[in-house]
Each structure stands twice: as structure tokens, then as C-alpha cells.
N, C-alpha and C. Protein backbone atom coordinates (compact mmCIF):
# COMPACT_ATOMS: atom_id res chain seq x y z
N UNK A 1 76.76 92.59 119.82
CA UNK A 1 76.55 92.91 117.94
C UNK A 1 75.81 93.95 118.10
N UNK A 2 75.75 94.93 116.64
CA UNK A 2 75.37 95.69 116.52
C UNK A 2 74.01 95.26 115.66
N UNK A 3 73.42 96.44 115.06
CA UNK A 3 72.75 96.54 114.00
C UNK A 3 72.98 96.16 112.90
N UNK A 4 74.30 96.18 112.28
CA UNK A 4 74.46 95.32 110.98
C UNK A 4 75.42 94.29 111.71
N UNK A 5 75.06 93.66 110.34
CA UNK A 5 76.25 92.22 110.34
C UNK A 5 77.58 92.10 109.43
N UNK A 6 77.23 93.16 108.46
CA UNK A 6 78.19 93.38 107.13
C UNK A 6 78.01 94.98 107.08
N UNK A 7 79.15 95.51 106.45
CA UNK A 7 78.99 96.70 105.73
C UNK A 7 79.90 96.81 104.55
N UNK A 8 79.50 97.49 103.73
CA UNK A 8 79.73 97.17 102.24
C UNK A 8 80.42 98.47 101.57
N UNK A 9 81.38 98.65 101.51
CA UNK A 9 81.45 100.13 100.81
C UNK A 9 81.40 100.05 99.01
N UNK A 10 81.08 100.71 98.54
CA UNK A 10 81.07 100.71 97.23
C UNK A 10 81.46 101.84 96.63
N UNK A 11 81.94 101.48 95.16
CA UNK A 11 82.52 102.53 94.36
C UNK A 11 82.25 101.94 92.98
N UNK A 12 82.90 103.03 91.99
CA UNK A 12 82.86 102.30 90.45
C UNK A 12 83.42 100.89 90.51
N UNK A 13 84.87 100.37 90.22
CA UNK A 13 85.48 99.89 90.11
C UNK A 13 85.93 98.70 91.24
N UNK A 14 85.67 99.42 92.58
CA UNK A 14 86.19 98.57 93.42
C UNK A 14 87.85 99.24 93.43
N UNK A 15 88.69 99.41 92.91
CA UNK A 15 90.31 99.90 92.79
C UNK A 15 90.61 100.75 93.44
N UNK A 16 89.76 101.89 93.62
CA UNK A 16 90.13 103.22 94.37
C UNK A 16 89.59 103.35 95.54
N UNK A 17 88.05 103.80 95.75
CA UNK A 17 87.78 104.86 96.65
C UNK A 17 87.27 103.24 97.64
N UNK A 18 86.93 102.36 97.51
CA UNK A 18 86.14 101.75 98.24
C UNK A 18 87.22 100.91 99.11
N UNK A 19 87.99 100.14 98.15
CA UNK A 19 89.12 99.58 98.75
C UNK A 19 89.89 100.61 100.20
N UNK A 20 89.96 101.80 99.64
CA UNK A 20 90.32 102.76 100.71
C UNK A 20 90.00 102.61 101.59
N UNK A 21 88.53 102.89 101.44
CA UNK A 21 87.46 102.97 102.82
C UNK A 21 87.54 101.73 103.39
N UNK A 22 87.77 100.54 103.32
CA UNK A 22 87.83 99.65 103.57
C UNK A 22 89.17 99.33 104.56
N UNK A 23 89.95 99.87 104.13
CA UNK A 23 91.23 99.58 104.93
C UNK A 23 91.47 100.29 105.81
N UNK A 24 90.89 101.87 106.06
CA UNK A 24 90.81 102.52 106.77
C UNK A 24 89.84 102.13 107.89
N UNK A 25 88.78 101.88 107.70
CA UNK A 25 88.01 101.00 108.82
C UNK A 25 88.40 99.96 109.14
N UNK A 26 88.85 99.06 108.33
CA UNK A 26 89.37 97.85 109.20
C UNK A 26 90.85 97.89 110.24
N UNK A 27 91.22 99.49 110.05
CA UNK A 27 92.46 99.82 110.76
C UNK A 27 91.94 100.11 112.02
N UNK A 28 90.49 100.99 111.92
CA UNK A 28 90.08 101.91 112.79
C UNK A 28 89.88 101.11 113.77
N UNK A 29 89.09 99.96 113.29
CA UNK A 29 87.88 99.38 114.16
C UNK A 29 88.31 97.45 113.85
N UNK A 30 88.96 97.12 114.95
CA UNK A 30 89.85 95.77 114.62
C UNK A 30 89.20 95.14 116.22
N UNK A 31 88.17 95.38 116.80
CA UNK A 31 87.54 94.70 117.13
C UNK A 31 85.93 93.45 117.55
N UNK A 32 85.31 94.66 116.04
CA UNK A 32 83.58 94.35 115.89
C UNK A 32 84.02 92.68 115.34
N UNK A 33 82.58 92.13 115.18
CA UNK A 33 82.71 90.90 114.55
C UNK A 33 82.08 91.39 112.47
N UNK A 34 81.65 92.61 112.62
CA UNK A 34 80.98 92.77 111.62
C UNK A 34 81.94 92.91 110.37
N UNK A 35 81.62 91.94 109.15
CA UNK A 35 82.57 92.25 108.24
C UNK A 35 82.38 93.56 107.40
N UNK A 36 83.41 93.32 107.19
CA UNK A 36 83.38 94.88 106.22
C UNK A 36 84.49 94.22 104.29
N UNK A 37 83.24 94.91 103.72
CA UNK A 37 84.11 94.63 102.61
C UNK A 37 83.95 95.39 101.63
N UNK A 38 84.54 95.55 100.16
CA UNK A 38 84.17 97.02 99.56
C UNK A 38 83.59 95.98 98.16
N UNK A 39 83.08 96.85 97.57
CA UNK A 39 82.77 96.51 96.14
C UNK A 39 82.89 96.92 95.02
N UNK A 40 82.72 96.91 93.47
CA UNK A 40 82.22 98.17 92.46
C UNK A 40 81.21 97.59 91.87
N UNK A 41 80.70 98.70 91.07
CA UNK A 41 79.58 98.63 89.95
C UNK A 41 79.67 98.31 88.87
N UNK A 42 80.87 98.64 88.45
CA UNK A 42 81.29 98.00 87.02
C UNK A 42 82.45 97.44 86.97
N UNK A 43 82.38 95.71 87.81
CA UNK A 43 83.84 95.29 87.78
C UNK A 43 83.82 94.36 86.44
N UNK A 44 84.37 94.64 85.43
CA UNK A 44 84.12 93.14 84.37
C UNK A 44 85.01 91.83 84.35
N UNK A 45 86.40 92.61 84.93
CA UNK A 45 87.11 91.57 85.74
C UNK A 45 88.05 91.60 86.39
N UNK A 46 87.70 90.68 87.19
CA UNK A 46 89.20 91.45 88.26
C UNK A 46 90.17 91.48 88.09
N UNK A 47 90.73 92.98 88.82
CA UNK A 47 92.16 94.03 89.16
C UNK A 47 92.36 94.18 90.46
N UNK A 48 93.51 94.23 90.49
CA UNK A 48 94.51 94.17 91.80
C UNK A 48 94.18 95.77 92.07
N UNK A 49 94.22 96.13 93.20
CA UNK A 49 94.16 97.79 93.63
C UNK A 49 94.98 98.49 92.79
N UNK A 50 94.49 99.60 92.86
CA UNK A 50 95.13 100.66 91.92
C UNK A 50 96.47 101.02 92.27
N UNK A 51 97.47 101.76 91.45
CA UNK A 51 99.12 101.32 92.37
C UNK A 51 98.88 102.30 93.30
N UNK A 52 98.30 103.72 92.93
CA UNK A 52 98.48 104.65 93.19
C UNK A 52 97.95 105.12 94.73
N UNK A 53 96.81 103.80 94.61
CA UNK A 53 95.69 103.84 95.76
C UNK A 53 96.88 102.86 96.94
N UNK A 54 97.46 101.69 96.48
CA UNK A 54 98.26 101.09 97.40
C UNK A 54 99.25 101.74 97.50
N UNK A 55 100.29 102.95 96.97
CA UNK A 55 101.26 104.00 97.13
C UNK A 55 100.77 104.46 98.97
N UNK A 56 99.53 104.97 98.18
CA UNK A 56 98.78 106.12 99.71
C UNK A 56 99.13 105.42 100.64
N UNK A 57 98.04 103.67 100.35
CA UNK A 57 97.57 103.05 101.96
C UNK A 57 99.24 102.96 102.23
N UNK A 58 100.15 102.43 101.84
CA UNK A 58 101.22 102.24 102.50
C UNK A 58 101.97 103.13 103.37
N UNK A 59 101.99 104.29 102.62
CA UNK A 59 102.37 105.61 102.92
C UNK A 59 101.53 105.89 104.58
N UNK A 60 100.27 105.65 105.14
CA UNK A 60 99.39 105.75 106.08
C UNK A 60 99.42 104.11 106.60
N UNK A 61 100.63 103.22 106.43
CA UNK A 61 100.86 101.93 107.20
C UNK A 61 99.64 101.28 107.02
N UNK A 62 98.69 101.42 106.04
CA UNK A 62 97.55 100.06 105.59
C UNK A 62 98.02 99.60 104.26
N UNK A 63 97.00 98.42 104.29
CA UNK A 63 97.32 97.88 103.15
C UNK A 63 96.24 96.84 103.19
N UNK A 64 95.63 96.06 102.06
CA UNK A 64 95.14 95.26 101.79
C UNK A 64 95.66 94.35 100.71
N UNK A 65 95.85 93.22 101.77
CA UNK A 65 96.56 91.91 100.71
C UNK A 65 95.78 91.25 99.65
N UNK A 66 96.39 91.15 98.76
CA UNK A 66 95.73 90.50 97.61
C UNK A 66 94.44 90.88 97.04
N UNK A 67 94.32 92.32 97.49
CA UNK A 67 92.81 93.05 97.31
C UNK A 67 92.66 92.14 95.71
N UNK A 68 91.27 91.62 95.28
CA UNK A 68 90.83 91.79 93.86
C UNK A 68 90.06 92.51 93.59
N UNK A 69 89.58 93.28 92.61
CA UNK A 69 88.08 93.72 92.23
C UNK A 69 87.41 92.77 92.43
N UNK A 70 85.66 93.42 92.79
CA UNK A 70 84.85 92.29 93.34
C UNK A 70 83.62 93.07 92.36
N UNK A 71 82.42 93.02 92.15
CA UNK A 71 81.28 93.11 91.88
C UNK A 71 80.30 92.95 92.95
N UNK A 72 79.58 94.21 93.23
CA UNK A 72 78.14 94.06 93.93
C UNK A 72 77.58 93.02 93.28
N UNK A 73 76.99 92.43 94.31
CA UNK A 73 75.68 90.76 93.82
C UNK A 73 74.59 90.76 94.86
N UNK A 74 73.66 90.39 94.28
CA UNK A 74 72.39 90.17 95.27
C UNK A 74 72.77 89.70 96.52
N UNK A 75 74.02 88.54 96.60
CA UNK A 75 73.59 87.74 97.69
C UNK A 75 74.74 88.57 98.74
N UNK A 76 75.05 89.56 98.13
CA UNK A 76 76.23 90.49 99.24
C UNK A 76 74.85 90.98 100.07
N UNK A 77 73.79 91.43 99.52
CA UNK A 77 72.91 92.01 100.15
C UNK A 77 71.74 91.74 101.10
N UNK A 78 71.41 92.26 102.88
CA UNK A 78 70.49 91.40 103.13
C UNK A 78 70.31 92.66 103.87
N UNK A 79 69.01 92.68 104.91
CA UNK A 79 68.85 93.37 105.96
C UNK A 79 69.48 93.91 107.07
N UNK A 80 70.65 92.90 107.29
CA UNK A 80 71.76 93.38 108.34
C UNK A 80 72.83 93.52 107.41
N UNK A 81 72.83 94.39 106.37
CA UNK A 81 73.86 94.67 105.60
C UNK A 81 73.52 96.25 105.50
N UNK A 82 74.55 97.27 105.57
CA UNK A 82 74.78 98.73 105.67
C UNK A 82 75.67 98.71 104.13
N UNK A 83 75.38 99.46 103.22
CA UNK A 83 75.93 99.75 102.07
C UNK A 83 76.05 101.87 102.20
N UNK A 84 77.30 101.67 101.70
CA UNK A 84 77.65 103.03 101.77
C UNK A 84 78.67 103.27 100.03
N UNK A 85 77.79 104.15 99.43
CA UNK A 85 78.37 104.33 98.56
C UNK A 85 79.22 105.61 98.48
N UNK A 86 80.27 105.88 97.33
CA UNK A 86 80.89 107.29 96.84
C UNK A 86 80.15 108.27 96.53
N UNK A 87 79.10 108.22 95.61
CA UNK A 87 78.53 109.08 94.92
C UNK A 87 76.86 108.70 94.91
N UNK A 88 76.14 109.88 95.03
CA UNK A 88 74.34 109.64 94.95
C UNK A 88 74.48 108.51 93.66
N UNK A 89 74.65 109.07 92.58
CA UNK A 89 74.10 107.88 91.17
C UNK A 89 74.53 106.73 91.55
N UNK A 90 75.68 106.32 92.41
CA UNK A 90 76.09 105.09 92.34
C UNK A 90 74.69 104.17 93.64
N UNK A 91 74.19 105.34 94.96
CA UNK A 91 73.17 104.42 95.39
C UNK A 91 71.94 104.75 94.66
N UNK A 92 71.70 105.32 93.72
CA UNK A 92 70.76 105.13 92.85
C UNK A 92 70.29 104.15 92.07
N UNK A 93 71.76 103.86 91.49
CA UNK A 93 71.96 102.63 90.81
C UNK A 93 71.64 101.72 91.02
N UNK A 94 72.06 101.47 93.07
CA UNK A 94 71.86 100.20 93.41
C UNK A 94 70.78 99.95 93.78
N UNK A 95 69.70 101.15 94.83
CA UNK A 95 68.24 100.86 94.44
C UNK A 95 67.72 100.63 93.21
N UNK A 96 67.35 101.04 92.05
CA UNK A 96 67.26 100.80 90.96
C UNK A 96 67.30 98.87 90.37
N UNK A 97 68.95 98.32 90.84
CA UNK A 97 68.83 97.29 90.48
C UNK A 97 68.63 95.77 91.68
N UNK A 98 68.52 96.32 92.66
CA UNK A 98 68.01 95.74 94.17
C UNK A 98 67.32 96.74 94.55
N UNK A 99 65.99 97.15 93.99
CA UNK A 99 64.94 97.62 94.37
C UNK A 99 64.37 97.26 96.19
N UNK A 100 64.85 96.28 96.86
CA UNK A 100 64.31 95.92 98.14
C UNK A 100 65.74 96.01 99.54
N UNK A 101 66.80 96.86 99.05
CA UNK A 101 67.60 97.01 99.32
C UNK A 101 67.14 98.40 100.76
N UNK A 102 67.86 97.77 101.89
CA UNK A 102 67.42 98.79 103.15
C UNK A 102 68.75 99.13 103.59
N UNK A 103 68.79 100.39 104.23
CA UNK A 103 70.27 100.68 104.79
C UNK A 103 71.65 101.14 104.39
N UNK A 104 71.04 101.79 102.69
CA UNK A 104 71.80 102.13 101.68
C UNK A 104 71.41 104.03 101.85
N UNK A 105 73.16 104.22 101.65
CA UNK A 105 73.18 105.80 101.94
C UNK A 105 74.86 106.05 101.18
N UNK A 106 74.77 107.22 100.87
CA UNK A 106 76.55 107.62 100.35
C UNK A 106 77.05 107.32 101.53
N UNK A 107 77.82 107.87 101.23
CA UNK A 107 79.18 107.98 102.68
C UNK A 107 79.20 109.21 103.60
N UNK A 108 78.77 110.58 102.66
CA UNK A 108 78.79 111.17 102.83
C UNK A 108 77.63 111.93 103.55
N UNK A 109 75.95 111.22 103.38
CA UNK A 109 74.85 111.42 103.93
C UNK A 109 75.06 110.84 105.29
N UNK A 110 75.51 109.81 105.41
CA UNK A 110 75.94 109.00 106.66
C UNK A 110 76.24 109.85 107.51
N UNK A 111 77.62 110.46 107.09
CA UNK A 111 78.23 110.70 108.15
C UNK A 111 77.84 112.51 108.10
N UNK A 112 76.83 112.47 107.68
CA UNK A 112 76.04 114.37 108.20
C UNK A 112 76.99 115.50 107.10
N UNK A 113 77.27 115.32 105.93
CA UNK A 113 77.52 115.76 104.54
C UNK A 113 77.03 115.46 103.71
N UNK A 114 76.94 116.86 102.78
CA UNK A 114 76.98 116.57 101.33
C UNK A 114 77.78 116.65 100.28
N UNK A 115 77.07 116.21 99.15
CA UNK A 115 78.15 115.90 98.20
C UNK A 115 78.56 114.25 97.81
N UNK A 116 79.71 114.26 96.78
CA UNK A 116 80.02 113.01 96.52
C UNK A 116 81.34 112.93 96.71
N UNK A 117 81.92 111.68 96.71
CA UNK A 117 83.73 111.60 96.80
C UNK A 117 84.10 111.30 95.53
N UNK A 118 84.98 112.19 95.25
CA UNK A 118 85.35 112.48 93.84
C UNK A 118 86.79 111.07 93.14
N UNK A 119 86.11 110.85 92.30
CA UNK A 119 87.29 109.62 91.75
C UNK A 119 88.46 109.83 91.60
N UNK A 120 89.51 109.43 92.25
CA UNK A 120 90.91 109.87 91.74
C UNK A 120 91.60 109.21 90.64
N UNK A 121 90.87 108.38 90.03
CA UNK A 121 91.10 107.13 89.37
C UNK A 121 91.84 108.44 87.94
N UNK A 122 92.96 108.07 87.57
CA UNK A 122 93.23 108.64 86.85
C UNK A 122 93.92 110.19 86.93
N UNK A 123 94.28 110.48 88.53
CA UNK A 123 94.86 111.45 88.68
C UNK A 123 95.90 111.43 89.29
N UNK A 124 96.65 112.17 90.13
CA UNK A 124 98.06 112.16 90.10
C UNK A 124 98.03 111.82 91.57
N UNK A 125 99.16 111.15 92.03
CA UNK A 125 99.01 110.75 93.36
C UNK A 125 98.88 111.42 94.51
N UNK A 126 98.85 112.87 94.56
CA UNK A 126 98.16 113.78 94.88
C UNK A 126 96.36 114.04 95.42
N UNK A 127 96.35 113.37 94.07
CA UNK A 127 94.81 113.22 94.15
C UNK A 127 94.34 112.24 94.38
N UNK A 128 95.07 111.00 94.88
CA UNK A 128 94.68 110.03 95.82
C UNK A 128 95.16 110.03 97.30
N UNK A 129 96.09 110.46 97.62
CA UNK A 129 96.39 111.25 98.32
C UNK A 129 94.72 111.97 99.62
N UNK A 130 94.46 113.13 98.53
CA UNK A 130 92.92 114.06 99.40
C UNK A 130 92.14 113.19 99.49
N UNK A 131 91.68 111.69 98.50
CA UNK A 131 90.50 111.24 98.68
C UNK A 131 90.93 110.50 99.80
N UNK A 132 92.40 109.89 100.11
CA UNK A 132 92.51 109.19 101.32
C UNK A 132 91.78 109.69 102.59
N UNK A 133 92.76 110.91 102.17
CA UNK A 133 92.23 112.17 103.42
C UNK A 133 90.82 112.26 103.57
N UNK A 134 90.25 112.72 102.60
CA UNK A 134 88.80 113.22 102.47
C UNK A 134 87.98 111.55 103.45
N UNK A 135 88.51 110.40 103.04
CA UNK A 135 87.61 109.17 103.06
C UNK A 135 88.12 108.98 104.57
N UNK A 136 89.41 108.92 104.78
CA UNK A 136 89.36 108.98 106.54
C UNK A 136 88.65 109.93 107.57
N UNK A 137 88.38 110.71 107.11
CA UNK A 137 87.33 111.40 108.24
C UNK A 137 86.37 111.26 108.03
N UNK A 138 85.39 110.53 106.75
CA UNK A 138 84.38 110.33 106.57
C UNK A 138 83.93 109.03 107.28
N UNK A 139 85.21 107.76 106.94
CA UNK A 139 84.91 106.69 108.10
C UNK A 139 85.12 106.19 109.29
N UNK A 140 85.83 107.72 109.82
CA UNK A 140 85.85 107.98 111.44
C UNK A 140 84.24 108.33 111.96
N UNK A 141 84.15 109.18 110.81
CA UNK A 141 82.49 109.75 111.42
C UNK A 141 82.05 108.67 111.44
N UNK A 142 81.86 107.42 110.47
CA UNK A 142 80.96 106.44 110.47
C UNK A 142 80.68 105.62 111.52
N UNK A 143 82.42 105.26 111.70
CA UNK A 143 82.74 104.33 112.96
C UNK A 143 81.64 105.03 114.24
N UNK A 144 82.58 106.02 114.58
CA UNK A 144 81.57 106.87 115.40
C UNK A 144 80.17 106.60 115.67
N UNK A 145 79.34 106.98 114.28
CA UNK A 145 78.05 107.10 114.28
C UNK A 145 77.60 105.46 114.53
N UNK A 146 78.19 104.63 113.71
CA UNK A 146 77.74 103.35 113.99
C UNK A 146 77.50 102.67 115.52
N UNK A 147 78.80 103.61 115.95
CA UNK A 147 79.11 103.04 117.58
C UNK A 147 78.03 103.22 117.97
N UNK A 148 77.39 104.94 118.35
CA UNK A 148 76.19 105.46 119.07
C UNK A 148 75.24 104.42 118.65
N UNK A 149 74.93 104.36 117.62
CA UNK A 149 73.37 103.21 116.95
C UNK A 149 73.93 102.42 118.01
N UNK A 150 74.80 101.58 117.79
CA UNK A 150 74.98 100.12 119.06
C UNK A 150 74.73 100.71 120.26
N UNK A 151 74.95 101.70 120.45
CA UNK A 151 74.69 101.53 122.60
C UNK A 151 73.47 102.30 122.40
N UNK A 152 72.71 102.38 121.66
CA UNK A 152 71.37 102.98 121.84
C UNK A 152 70.54 101.67 122.42
């Protein structure tokens, strides 16, 4: 068992970026017993996966069966949870709302990059594809880094 028991990808509405990251991670890491989830910061009611995000996932032979958006709650977070947000503002909002939260980074920060993952919401199918490609790279870097930390 590694350092973390749970990994949560967080975006705004939990219909695009964080579910895409969750699907990519689960496809890459099939043997770990770490729980992998996605959550949103502004989830007023449950919604399915964004149709364009679903098309892009299917194009890459991935799917999240029966995904509905869920908001991040205090019960999701403990000392053995890593949270990866899509933007610095999302990370700041979580730190303000849950000040005792440890192990929180933007996904780019954790992967050794800077900046935010742009929200494709409202964009073209190509915008979603570009987001998928970016998240694919970042999630792979995340997986490699988690595996390195576990080996230490």
C-alpha cells in the first residue's frame, strides 16, 4: 500500500476534466488498491458526464459507467487522501473551505509543470480532445511520481 489510500481529481462541475482524469488514471493503473474518484466544487444537482467528454473517452476506448457529478465534501478528505485540482483557484478554494487539508496540489504542479488545465466546457469537440491529451500526459506523470514515492 502506498502513501495514499485515495486520489481525488477535482474540477468545477465534475462533468468534464476531473472525470476524464479519473477514467485515464483507472485505465493506466489497474492493480493498485487506491480508491480513485473525481469531484466538483460547484455541483448544484447531479449531472451525467458531458456528452463531448463522453465522446472523447469512447474514442480512446475509455468510459465511466453511470457517472454522475458529485461535489467535494469534508467526508471525502483525510490525511491519506491526495487531491489534484485542475486550477490554482480550485486548490485555493479547497484550502479555504477545508483548512486542515494536506496533500493538495494542482495536477500540473504535482506533475512538475505550471499553469492550469483549461476547461473545455462550451467548446468544440476538438477542445475536449486537446483537454484529454493534456490530461493524459499529466495523469501519466502523476502515476509515475506516485509509484516513485511508493518505492522510497
